[in-house]
């Protein structure tokens, strides 16, 4: 069967930057194995499959696959799919709900033109702390760094989840961030507690003025050696940010840069609504632009 698809670059307004996404429409009749096979064929960090919703109040249902496994929720697929769905239904400004495995995800979209737009979604699940990480020496070894490169004052190393768990580690400089890499079995020992090893590396030094944080994400255990932009990790990190930085009550906006070391610069927008010292609500937004369009036989 011939099924429509598009690819988008997400968290960027420029083609061939940001994080690529495969988006397959008309996915009815595809089983899990077929979707996983197609995701490996695209070989992007994620590919999404769109089907009619079971709830009439939703725009679409969506499943998300990395080259190695299915995810219940992810940020760059949600932003990209929201722009792709708005494009397919006439553009302009739209608000709708995408049903993901984690639950319904409300999205707002503003199209810039026929092939690009900005989308923002509210986190379907607020982040929670889910555990500590090993000692600094173990973490540094896992990333091919020295213990002095780890910045426990900026953010304490810890595991958080807003639907998908991530180990979060801060480093002291852009130089340390640039040197970081998954270091074989040491990476698994440092970050593999409770599932495939995933590390979100955070730095308060930034490459461009106006940005607040520089980040990288490694997840070789699910087929992603490095991700150019990771909304699911940012969702998890939002909990650590509020817990450690203790921003005042009100709305706070952060701009995070990612993908620079890969030559895929990305810009992610995080909005935090803090009430009573706690995170009441959070949203992630970014741009996306269509790159290719066609059909796939599946």
C-alpha atoms as a PDB file:
ATOM      1  CA  UNK A   1       0.000   0.000   0.000  1.00  0.00           C
ATOM      2  CA  UNK A   2       1.247   3.471  -0.877  1.00  0.00           C
ATOM      3  CA  UNK A   3       1.312   5.728   2.196  1.00  0.00           C
ATOM      4  CA  UNK A   4       2.047   9.454   2.218  1.00  0.00           C
ATOM      5  CA  UNK A   5       5.011  10.743   4.162  1.00  0.00           C
ATOM      6  CA  UNK A   6       6.870  13.947   4.785  1.00  0.00           C
ATOM      7  CA  UNK A   7      10.144  14.646   6.543  1.00  0.00           C
ATOM      8  CA  UNK A   8      10.694  17.757   8.602  1.00  0.00           C
ATOM      9  CA  UNK A   9      13.618  19.404  10.320  1.00  0.00           C
ATOM     10  CA  UNK A  10      12.446  20.285  13.822  1.00  0.00           C
ATOM     11  CA  UNK A  11      13.556  22.973  16.304  1.00  0.00           C
ATOM     12  CA  UNK A  12      14.855  25.070  13.428  1.00  0.00           C
ATOM     13  CA  UNK A  13      13.537  27.328  10.664  1.00  0.00           C
ATOM     14  CA  UNK A  14      16.373  26.279   8.337  1.00  0.00           C
ATOM     15  CA  UNK A  15      16.337  23.090   6.277  1.00  0.00           C
ATOM     16  CA  UNK A  16      19.238  20.712   6.964  1.00  0.00           C
ATOM     17  CA  UNK A  17      19.564  21.906  10.564  1.00  0.00           C
ATOM     18  CA  UNK A  18      17.648  20.861  13.677  1.00  0.00           C
ATOM     19  CA  UNK A  19      16.425  17.308  14.240  1.00  0.00           C
ATOM     20  CA  UNK A  20      15.037  15.355  11.257  1.00  0.00           C
ATOM     21  CA  UNK A  21      11.671  13.632  11.671  1.00  0.00           C
ATOM     22  CA  UNK A  22       9.902  11.101   9.477  1.00  0.00           C
ATOM     23  CA  UNK A  23       6.103  11.450   9.473  1.00  0.00           C
ATOM     24  CA  UNK A  24       4.019   8.678   7.882  1.00  0.00           C
ATOM     25  CA  UNK A  25       0.340   9.404   7.282  1.00  0.00           C
ATOM     26  CA  UNK A  26      -2.369   6.778   6.639  1.00  0.00           C
ATOM     27  CA  UNK A  27      -0.705   4.300   9.002  1.00  0.00           C
ATOM     28  CA  UNK A  28      -3.811   2.188   9.564  1.00  0.00           C
ATOM     29  CA  UNK A  29      -3.033  -1.491   9.002  1.00  0.00           C
ATOM     30  CA  UNK A  30       0.620  -1.221   9.983  1.00  0.00           C
ATOM     31  CA  UNK A  31       1.514  -3.389  12.952  1.00  0.00           C
ATOM     32  CA  UNK A  32       4.242  -2.609  15.473  1.00  0.00           C
ATOM     33  CA  UNK A  33       6.889  -4.618  13.644  1.00  0.00           C
ATOM     34  CA  UNK A  34       6.138  -2.867  10.358  1.00  0.00           C
ATOM     35  CA  UNK A  35       6.387   0.561  11.988  1.00  0.00           C
ATOM     36  CA  UNK A  36       9.675  -0.379  13.610  1.00  0.00           C
ATOM     37  CA  UNK A  37      11.018  -1.556  10.241  1.00  0.00           C
ATOM     38  CA  UNK A  38      10.001   1.691   8.557  1.00  0.00           C
ATOM     39  CA  UNK A  39      11.595   3.706  11.376  1.00  0.00           C
ATOM     40  CA  UNK A  40      14.860   1.838  10.792  1.00  0.00           C
ATOM     41  CA  UNK A  41      14.557   2.604   7.072  1.00  0.00           C
ATOM     42  CA  UNK A  42      14.228   6.348   7.722  1.00  0.00           C
ATOM     43  CA  UNK A  43      16.981   6.010  10.372  1.00  0.00           C
ATOM     44  CA  UNK A  44      16.120   9.330  11.997  1.00  0.00           C
ATOM     45  CA  UNK A  45      16.160   9.657  15.769  1.00  0.00           C
ATOM     46  CA  UNK A  46      12.359   9.321  15.559  1.00  0.00           C
ATOM     47  CA  UNK A  47       9.683   8.530  13.001  1.00  0.00           C
ATOM     48  CA  UNK A  48       5.987   9.030  13.731  1.00  0.00           C
ATOM     49  CA  UNK A  49       2.939   7.217  12.394  1.00  0.00           C
ATOM     50  CA  UNK A  50      -0.342   9.085  12.116  1.00  0.00           C
ATOM     51  CA  UNK A  51      -3.775   7.456  12.255  1.00  0.00           C
ATOM     52  CA  UNK A  52      -7.346   8.658  12.849  1.00  0.00           C
ATOM     53  CA  UNK A  53      -8.074   9.297  16.533  1.00  0.00           C
ATOM     54  CA  UNK A  54     -10.277   7.068  18.651  1.00  0.00           C
ATOM     55  CA  UNK A  55     -11.560  10.172  20.463  1.00  0.00           C
ATOM     56  CA  UNK A  56     -13.501  12.528  18.214  1.00  0.00           C
ATOM     57  CA  UNK A  57     -12.106  15.508  20.121  1.00  0.00           C
ATOM     58  CA  UNK A  58      -8.538  14.718  19.039  1.00  0.00           C
ATOM     59  CA  UNK A  59      -6.927  15.633  15.713  1.00  0.00           C
ATOM     60  CA  UNK A  60      -4.972  12.385  15.315  1.00  0.00           C
ATOM     61  CA  UNK A  61      -3.419   9.468  17.127  1.00  0.00           C
ATOM     62  CA  UNK A  62       0.327   9.006  16.860  1.00  0.00           C
ATOM     63  CA  UNK A  63       2.947   6.369  17.603  1.00  0.00           C
ATOM     64  CA  UNK A  64       6.642   7.246  17.913  1.00  0.00           C
ATOM     65  CA  UNK A  65       9.585   4.981  17.039  1.00  0.00           C
ATOM     66  CA  UNK A  66      13.333   5.383  17.272  1.00  0.00           C
ATOM     67  CA  UNK A  67      15.395   3.058  15.044  1.00  0.00           C
ATOM     68  CA  UNK A  68      15.459   0.637  17.973  1.00  0.00           C
ATOM     69  CA  UNK A  69      12.244   0.941  19.994  1.00  0.00           C
ATOM     70  CA  UNK A  70       8.899   2.650  20.538  1.00  0.00           C
ATOM     71  CA  UNK A  71       8.513   5.681  22.836  1.00  0.00           C
ATOM     72  CA  UNK A  72       5.344   6.683  24.705  1.00  0.00           C
ATOM     73  CA  UNK A  73       6.150  10.376  24.243  1.00  0.00           C
ATOM     74  CA  UNK A  74       8.827  12.610  22.740  1.00  0.00           C
ATOM     75  CA  UNK A  75       9.187  16.322  22.148  1.00  0.00           C
ATOM     76  CA  UNK A  76      10.628  16.771  18.670  1.00  0.00           C
ATOM     77  CA  UNK A  77       8.114  14.306  17.156  1.00  0.00           C
ATOM     78  CA  UNK A  78       5.267  16.203  18.820  1.00  0.00           C
ATOM     79  CA  UNK A  79       6.439  19.601  17.548  1.00  0.00           C
ATOM     80  CA  UNK A  80       7.107  18.264  14.046  1.00  0.00           C
ATOM     81  CA  UNK A  81       3.865  16.299  13.837  1.00  0.00           C
ATOM     82  CA  UNK A  82       1.850  19.297  15.020  1.00  0.00           C
ATOM     83  CA  UNK A  83       3.308  21.426  12.214  1.00  0.00           C
ATOM     84  CA  UNK A  84       2.770  18.584   9.720  1.00  0.00           C
ATOM     85  CA  UNK A  85      -0.868  18.152  10.758  1.00  0.00           C
ATOM     86  CA  UNK A  86      -1.546  21.896  10.623  1.00  0.00           C
ATOM     87  CA  UNK A  87       0.033  22.037   7.167  1.00  0.00           C
ATOM     88  CA  UNK A  88      -2.157  19.154   5.985  1.00  0.00           C
ATOM     89  CA  UNK A  89      -5.331  20.902   7.144  1.00  0.00           C
ATOM     90  CA  UNK A  90      -4.902  24.332   5.660  1.00  0.00           C
ATOM     91  CA  UNK A  91      -2.258  26.127   7.709  1.00  0.00           C
ATOM     92  CA  UNK A  92      -2.851  29.328   9.666  1.00  0.00           C
ATOM     93  CA  UNK A  93      -3.190  29.177  13.447  1.00  0.00           C
ATOM     94  CA  UNK A  94      -4.599  25.976  14.918  1.00  0.00           C
ATOM     95  CA  UNK A  95      -5.074  24.330  18.303  1.00  0.00           C
ATOM     96  CA  UNK A  96      -5.711  20.613  18.659  1.00  0.00           C
ATOM     97  CA  UNK A  97      -4.867  17.477  20.631  1.00  0.00           C
ATOM     98  CA  UNK A  98      -2.617  14.623  19.483  1.00  0.00           C
ATOM     99  CA  UNK A  99      -3.229  11.284  21.197  1.00  0.00           C
ATOM    100  CA  UNK A 100       0.124   9.700  22.095  1.00  0.00           C
ATOM    101  CA  UNK A 101       0.749   6.579  24.145  1.00  0.00           C
ATOM    102  CA  UNK A 102       1.371   8.733  27.210  1.00  0.00           C
ATOM    103  CA  UNK A 103      -2.041  10.363  26.739  1.00  0.00           C
ATOM    104  CA  UNK A 104      -3.546  13.414  25.041  1.00  0.00           C
ATOM    105  CA  UNK A 105      -1.088  16.219  24.203  1.00  0.00           C
ATOM    106  CA  UNK A 106      -2.544  19.717  23.577  1.00  0.00           C
ATOM    107  CA  UNK A 107      -0.760  21.617  20.794  1.00  0.00           C
ATOM    108  CA  UNK A 108      -0.881  25.168  19.439  1.00  0.00           C
ATOM    109  CA  UNK A 109       0.498  25.841  15.957  1.00  0.00           C
ATOM    110  CA  UNK A 110       1.212  29.020  14.032  1.00  0.00           C
ATOM    111  CA  UNK A 111       2.262  28.417  10.427  1.00  0.00           C
ATOM    112  CA  UNK A 112       4.849  30.816   9.020  1.00  0.00           C
ATOM    113  CA  UNK A 113       4.178  29.824   5.430  1.00  0.00           C
ATOM    114  CA  UNK A 114       3.040  26.779   3.441  1.00  0.00           C
ATOM    115  CA  UNK A 115       5.886  24.565   4.659  1.00  0.00           C
ATOM    116  CA  UNK A 116       7.035  25.861   8.048  1.00  0.00           C
ATOM    117  CA  UNK A 117       5.579  26.817  11.395  1.00  0.00           C
ATOM    118  CA  UNK A 118       5.993  27.091  15.145  1.00  0.00           C
ATOM    119  CA  UNK A 119       4.342  24.582  17.478  1.00  0.00           C
ATOM    120  CA  UNK A 120       4.116  24.450  21.253  1.00  0.00           C
ATOM    121  CA  UNK A 121       2.706  21.654  23.391  1.00  0.00           C
ATOM    122  CA  UNK A 122       1.894  21.355  27.073  1.00  0.00           C
ATOM    123  CA  UNK A 123       3.626  18.538  28.906  1.00  0.00           C
ATOM    124  CA  UNK A 124       1.149  15.667  29.237  1.00  0.00           C
ATOM    125  CA  UNK A 125       2.926  14.553  32.426  1.00  0.00           C
ATOM    126  CA  UNK A 126       4.845  16.750  34.849  1.00  0.00           C
ATOM    127  CA  UNK A 127       8.424  15.637  35.539  1.00  0.00           C
ATOM    128  CA  UNK A 128       9.338  13.597  38.589  1.00  0.00           C
ATOM    129  CA  UNK A 129      12.667  12.736  40.195  1.00  0.00           C
ATOM    130  CA  UNK A 130      13.180   8.984  39.843  1.00  0.00           C
ATOM    131  CA  UNK A 131      16.580   8.383  41.380  1.00  0.00           C
ATOM    132  CA  UNK A 132      20.172   9.359  41.933  1.00  0.00           C
ATOM    133  CA  UNK A 133      23.181   8.665  39.711  1.00  0.00           C
ATOM    134  CA  UNK A 134      26.561   7.074  40.549  1.00  0.00           C
ATOM    135  CA  UNK A 135      29.524   9.034  41.855  1.00  0.00           C
ATOM    136  CA  UNK A 136      31.160  11.797  39.831  1.00  0.00           C
ATOM    137  CA  UNK A 137      34.127   9.639  38.791  1.00  0.00           C
ATOM    138  CA  UNK A 138      31.795   7.021  37.287  1.00  0.00           C
ATOM    139  CA  UNK A 139      29.754   9.664  35.465  1.00  0.00           C
ATOM    140  CA  UNK A 140      32.864  11.332  34.069  1.00  0.00           C
ATOM    141  CA  UNK A 141      34.257   7.998  32.857  1.00  0.00           C
ATOM    142  CA  UNK A 142      30.959   7.217  31.144  1.00  0.00           C
ATOM    143  CA  UNK A 143      31.256  10.423  29.121  1.00  0.00           C
ATOM    144  CA  UNK A 144      35.006  10.222  28.481  1.00  0.00           C
ATOM    145  CA  UNK A 145      35.623  13.226  30.758  1.00  0.00           C
ATOM    146  CA  UNK A 146      37.572  14.045  33.897  1.00  0.00           C
ATOM    147  CA  UNK A 147      35.765  14.275  37.257  1.00  0.00           C
ATOM    148  CA  UNK A 148      36.626  17.991  37.398  1.00  0.00           C
ATOM    149  CA  UNK A 149      34.513  18.490  34.248  1.00  0.00           C
ATOM    150  CA  UNK A 150      31.307  17.558  36.098  1.00  0.00           C
ATOM    151  CA  UNK A 151      29.493  20.549  37.624  1.00  0.00           C
ATOM    152  CA  UNK A 152      27.452  19.370  40.585  1.00  0.00           C
ATOM    153  CA  UNK A 153      26.826  22.959  41.710  1.00  0.00           C
ATOM    154  CA  UNK A 154      24.969  23.905  38.526  1.00  0.00           C
ATOM    155  CA  UNK A 155      22.676  20.872  38.752  1.00  0.00           C
ATOM    156  CA  UNK A 156      23.013  17.754  40.925  1.00  0.00           C
ATOM    157  CA  UNK A 157      23.376  14.588  38.812  1.00  0.00           C
ATOM    158  CA  UNK A 158      20.014  12.813  38.923  1.00  0.00           C
ATOM    159  CA  UNK A 159      17.398  10.896  36.982  1.00  0.00           C
ATOM    160  CA  UNK A 160      14.122  12.553  36.023  1.00  0.00           C
ATOM    161  CA  UNK A 161      11.193  11.544  33.835  1.00  0.00           C
ATOM    162  CA  UNK A 162       8.223  13.272  32.220  1.00  0.00           C
ATOM    163  CA  UNK A 163       7.233  10.056  30.471  1.00  0.00           C
ATOM    164  CA  UNK A 164      10.682   8.918  29.330  1.00  0.00           C
ATOM    165  CA  UNK A 165      13.511   8.702  31.908  1.00  0.00           C
ATOM    166  CA  UNK A 166      16.804  10.557  31.427  1.00  0.00           C
ATOM    167  CA  UNK A 167      20.001  10.786  33.443  1.00  0.00           C
ATOM    168  CA  UNK A 168      20.952  14.473  33.703  1.00  0.00           C
ATOM    169  CA  UNK A 169      24.538  15.631  34.243  1.00  0.00           C
ATOM    170  CA  UNK A 170      25.910  19.181  34.164  1.00  0.00           C
ATOM    171  CA  UNK A 171      29.398  20.029  32.898  1.00  0.00           C
ATOM    172  CA  UNK A 172      31.476  23.131  33.621  1.00  0.00           C
ATOM    173  CA  UNK A 173      32.263  24.446  30.140  1.00  0.00           C
ATOM    174  CA  UNK A 174      31.517  24.281  26.442  1.00  0.00           C
ATOM    175  CA  UNK A 175      34.918  22.619  26.087  1.00  0.00           C
ATOM    176  CA  UNK A 176      33.834  19.794  28.376  1.00  0.00           C
ATOM    177  CA  UNK A 177      30.480  19.549  26.599  1.00  0.00           C
ATOM    178  CA  UNK A 178      32.251  19.246  23.251  1.00  0.00           C
ATOM    179  CA  UNK A 179      34.499  16.444  24.557  1.00  0.00           C
ATOM    180  CA  UNK A 180      31.624  14.384  25.978  1.00  0.00           C
ATOM    181  CA  UNK A 181      30.803  11.117  24.235  1.00  0.00           C
ATOM    182  CA  UNK A 182      29.389   7.679  25.138  1.00  0.00           C
ATOM    183  CA  UNK A 183      32.424   5.759  26.396  1.00  0.00           C
ATOM    184  CA  UNK A 184      31.557   2.113  25.744  1.00  0.00           C
ATOM    185  CA  UNK A 185      30.697  -0.057  28.725  1.00  0.00           C
ATOM    186  CA  UNK A 186      31.567   2.782  31.109  1.00  0.00           C
ATOM    187  CA  UNK A 187      28.622   4.727  29.652  1.00  0.00           C
ATOM    188  CA  UNK A 188      26.244   1.851  30.406  1.00  0.00           C
ATOM    189  CA  UNK A 189      27.594   1.539  33.949  1.00  0.00           C
ATOM    190  CA  UNK A 190      27.101   5.249  34.549  1.00  0.00           C
ATOM    191  CA  UNK A 191      23.714   5.775  32.927  1.00  0.00           C
ATOM    192  CA  UNK A 192      22.072   2.390  32.361  1.00  0.00           C
ATOM    193  CA  UNK A 193      20.203   1.958  35.643  1.00  0.00           C
ATOM    194  CA  UNK A 194      16.639   0.838  35.014  1.00  0.00           C
ATOM    195  CA  UNK A 195      16.757   0.681  31.225  1.00  0.00           C
ATOM    196  CA  UNK A 196      18.722   1.684  28.122  1.00  0.00           C
ATOM    197  CA  UNK A 197      21.444   4.197  28.981  1.00  0.00           C
ATOM    198  CA  UNK A 198      20.540   7.805  28.130  1.00  0.00           C
ATOM    199  CA  UNK A 199      22.514  10.871  29.201  1.00  0.00           C
ATOM    200  CA  UNK A 200      21.395  14.499  28.964  1.00  0.00           C
ATOM    201  CA  UNK A 201      24.459  16.742  29.314  1.00  0.00           C
ATOM    202  CA  UNK A 202      23.748  20.320  30.409  1.00  0.00           C
ATOM    203  CA  UNK A 203      26.063  23.348  30.394  1.00  0.00           C
ATOM    204  CA  UNK A 204      25.418  26.913  31.574  1.00  0.00           C
ATOM    205  CA  UNK A 205      27.967  28.289  29.112  1.00  0.00           C
ATOM    206  CA  UNK A 206      26.313  28.892  25.734  1.00  0.00           C
ATOM    207  CA  UNK A 207      27.490  29.288  22.173  1.00  0.00           C
ATOM    208  CA  UNK A 208      25.096  32.120  21.273  1.00  0.00           C
ATOM    209  CA  UNK A 209      23.890  35.164  23.221  1.00  0.00           C
ATOM    210  CA  UNK A 210      20.264  35.097  24.291  1.00  0.00           C
ATOM    211  CA  UNK A 211      20.322  31.375  25.053  1.00  0.00           C
ATOM    212  CA  UNK A 212      20.316  30.116  28.629  1.00  0.00           C
ATOM    213  CA  UNK A 213      21.652  26.552  28.335  1.00  0.00           C
ATOM    214  CA  UNK A 214      23.721  24.376  25.994  1.00  0.00           C
ATOM    215  CA  UNK A 215      22.759  20.679  25.967  1.00  0.00           C
ATOM    216  CA  UNK A 216      23.592  17.349  24.357  1.00  0.00           C
ATOM    217  CA  UNK A 217      21.811  13.976  24.527  1.00  0.00           C
ATOM    218  CA  UNK A 218      23.280  10.505  23.982  1.00  0.00           C
ATOM    219  CA  UNK A 219      21.164   7.329  23.812  1.00  0.00           C
ATOM    220  CA  UNK A 220      23.032   4.610  21.879  1.00  0.00           C
ATOM    221  CA  UNK A 221      20.985   1.910  23.606  1.00  0.00           C
ATOM    222  CA  UNK A 222      17.851   2.940  21.684  1.00  0.00           C
ATOM    223  CA  UNK A 223      19.644   3.547  18.392  1.00  0.00           C
ATOM    224  CA  UNK A 224      20.464   7.249  18.887  1.00  0.00           C
ATOM    225  CA  UNK A 225      24.210   7.833  19.125  1.00  0.00           C
ATOM    226  CA  UNK A 226      23.472  11.528  19.627  1.00  0.00           C
ATOM    227  CA  UNK A 227      20.266  13.509  19.173  1.00  0.00           C
ATOM    228  CA  UNK A 228      20.283  16.985  17.621  1.00  0.00           C
ATOM    229  CA  UNK A 229      17.286  18.150  19.730  1.00  0.00           C
ATOM    230  CA  UNK A 230      15.492  16.288  22.513  1.00  0.00           C
ATOM    231  CA  UNK A 231      12.187  17.619  23.793  1.00  0.00           C
ATOM    232  CA  UNK A 232      11.518  14.577  25.991  1.00  0.00           C
ATOM    233  CA  UNK A 233      14.790  15.130  27.841  1.00  0.00           C
ATOM    234  CA  UNK A 234      14.000  18.834  28.168  1.00  0.00           C
ATOM    235  CA  UNK A 235      10.621  17.907  29.662  1.00  0.00           C
ATOM    236  CA  UNK A 236      12.392  15.778  32.266  1.00  0.00           C
ATOM    237  CA  UNK A 237      15.005  18.481  32.899  1.00  0.00           C
ATOM    238  CA  UNK A 238      12.316  21.084  33.580  1.00  0.00           C
ATOM    239  CA  UNK A 239      11.639  19.342  36.884  1.00  0.00           C
ATOM    240  CA  UNK A 240      15.286  19.434  37.932  1.00  0.00           C
ATOM    241  CA  UNK A 241      15.564  23.073  36.885  1.00  0.00           C
ATOM    242  CA  UNK A 242      12.681  24.175  39.097  1.00  0.00           C
ATOM    243  CA  UNK A 243      13.710  21.934  42.010  1.00  0.00           C
ATOM    244  CA  UNK A 244      17.323  23.185  42.018  1.00  0.00           C
ATOM    245  CA  UNK A 245      17.148  26.776  40.749  1.00  0.00           C
ATOM    246  CA  UNK A 246      13.924  27.580  42.641  1.00  0.00           C
ATOM    247  CA  UNK A 247      12.641  30.313  40.309  1.00  0.00           C
ATOM    248  CA  UNK A 248      10.079  32.742  41.717  1.00  0.00           C
ATOM    249  CA  UNK A 249       6.392  32.136  41.186  1.00  0.00           C
ATOM    250  CA  UNK A 250       5.270  33.171  37.731  1.00  0.00           C
ATOM    251  CA  UNK A 251       6.082  32.335  34.120  1.00  0.00           C
ATOM    252  CA  UNK A 252       9.706  31.799  33.063  1.00  0.00           C
ATOM    253  CA  UNK A 253      11.009  31.246  29.536  1.00  0.00           C
ATOM    254  CA  UNK A 254      14.280  29.586  28.592  1.00  0.00           C
ATOM    255  CA  UNK A 255      15.971  29.055  25.233  1.00  0.00           C
ATOM    256  CA  UNK A 256      18.197  25.980  24.945  1.00  0.00           C
ATOM    257  CA  UNK A 257      20.673  25.272  22.165  1.00  0.00           C
ATOM    258  CA  UNK A 258      21.486  21.713  21.073  1.00  0.00           C
ATOM    259  CA  UNK A 259      23.010  19.869  18.121  1.00  0.00           C
ATOM    260  CA  UNK A 260      25.885  22.301  17.592  1.00  0.00           C
ATOM    261  CA  UNK A 261      28.573  19.620  17.868  1.00  0.00           C
ATOM    262  CA  UNK A 262      26.736  17.619  15.172  1.00  0.00           C
ATOM    263  CA  UNK A 263      26.422  20.497  12.713  1.00  0.00           C
ATOM    264  CA  UNK A 264      22.631  20.429  13.298  1.00  0.00           C
ATOM    265  CA  UNK A 265      22.006  23.563  15.406  1.00  0.00           C
ATOM    266  CA  UNK A 266      18.641  23.464  17.152  1.00  0.00           C
ATOM    267  CA  UNK A 267      16.751  25.896  19.373  1.00  0.00           C
ATOM    268  CA  UNK A 268      14.227  24.650  21.937  1.00  0.00           C
ATOM    269  CA  UNK A 269      11.898  26.927  23.904  1.00  0.00           C
ATOM    270  CA  UNK A 270      10.823  25.967  27.435  1.00  0.00           C
ATOM    271  CA  UNK A 271       8.065  27.785  29.309  1.00  0.00           C
ATOM    272  CA  UNK A 272       7.720  27.141  33.050  1.00  0.00           C
ATOM    273  CA  UNK A 273       4.688  28.153  35.123  1.00  0.00           C
ATOM    274  CA  UNK A 274       5.707  28.096  38.789  1.00  0.00           C
ATOM    275  CA  UNK A 275       3.172  28.373  41.602  1.00  0.00           C
ATOM    276  CA  UNK A 276       3.879  27.948  45.302  1.00  0.00           C
ATOM    277  CA  UNK A 277       7.479  27.071  44.471  1.00  0.00           C
ATOM    278  CA  UNK A 278       6.351  24.111  42.378  1.00  0.00           C
ATOM    279  CA  UNK A 279       6.081  23.509  38.644  1.00  0.00           C
ATOM    280  CA  UNK A 280       2.390  23.918  37.874  1.00  0.00           C
ATOM    281  CA  UNK A 281       2.631  23.555  34.110  1.00  0.00           C
ATOM    282  CA  UNK A 282       5.292  23.491  31.416  1.00  0.00           C
ATOM    283  CA  UNK A 283       5.343  23.781  27.644  1.00  0.00           C
ATOM    284  CA  UNK A 284       7.932  23.088  24.958  1.00  0.00           C
ATOM    285  CA  UNK A 285       7.954  24.829  21.618  1.00  0.00           C
ATOM    286  CA  UNK A 286       9.971  25.172  18.458  1.00  0.00           C
ATOM    287  CA  UNK A 287       9.938  25.671  14.739  1.00  0.00           C
ATOM    288  CA  UNK A 288       9.729  22.982  12.058  1.00  0.00           C
ATOM    289  CA  UNK A 289      10.112  23.025   8.288  1.00  0.00           C
ATOM    290  CA  UNK A 290       9.164  20.414   5.687  1.00  0.00           C
ATOM    291  CA  UNK A 291      12.144  19.034   3.743  1.00  0.00           C
ATOM    292  CA  UNK A 292      10.823  16.147   1.623  1.00  0.00           C
ATOM    293  CA  UNK A 293       7.462  14.697   0.649  1.00  0.00           C
ATOM    294  CA  UNK A 294       6.477  11.476  -1.071  1.00  0.00           C
ATOM    295  CA  UNK A 295       4.985   8.005  -0.695  1.00  0.00           C
ATOM    296  CA  UNK A 296       6.292   4.831   0.861  1.00  0.00           C
ATOM    297  CA  UNK A 297       5.236   1.288  -0.057  1.00  0.00           C
ATOM    298  CA  UNK A 298       4.358  -0.520   3.176  1.00  0.00           C
END
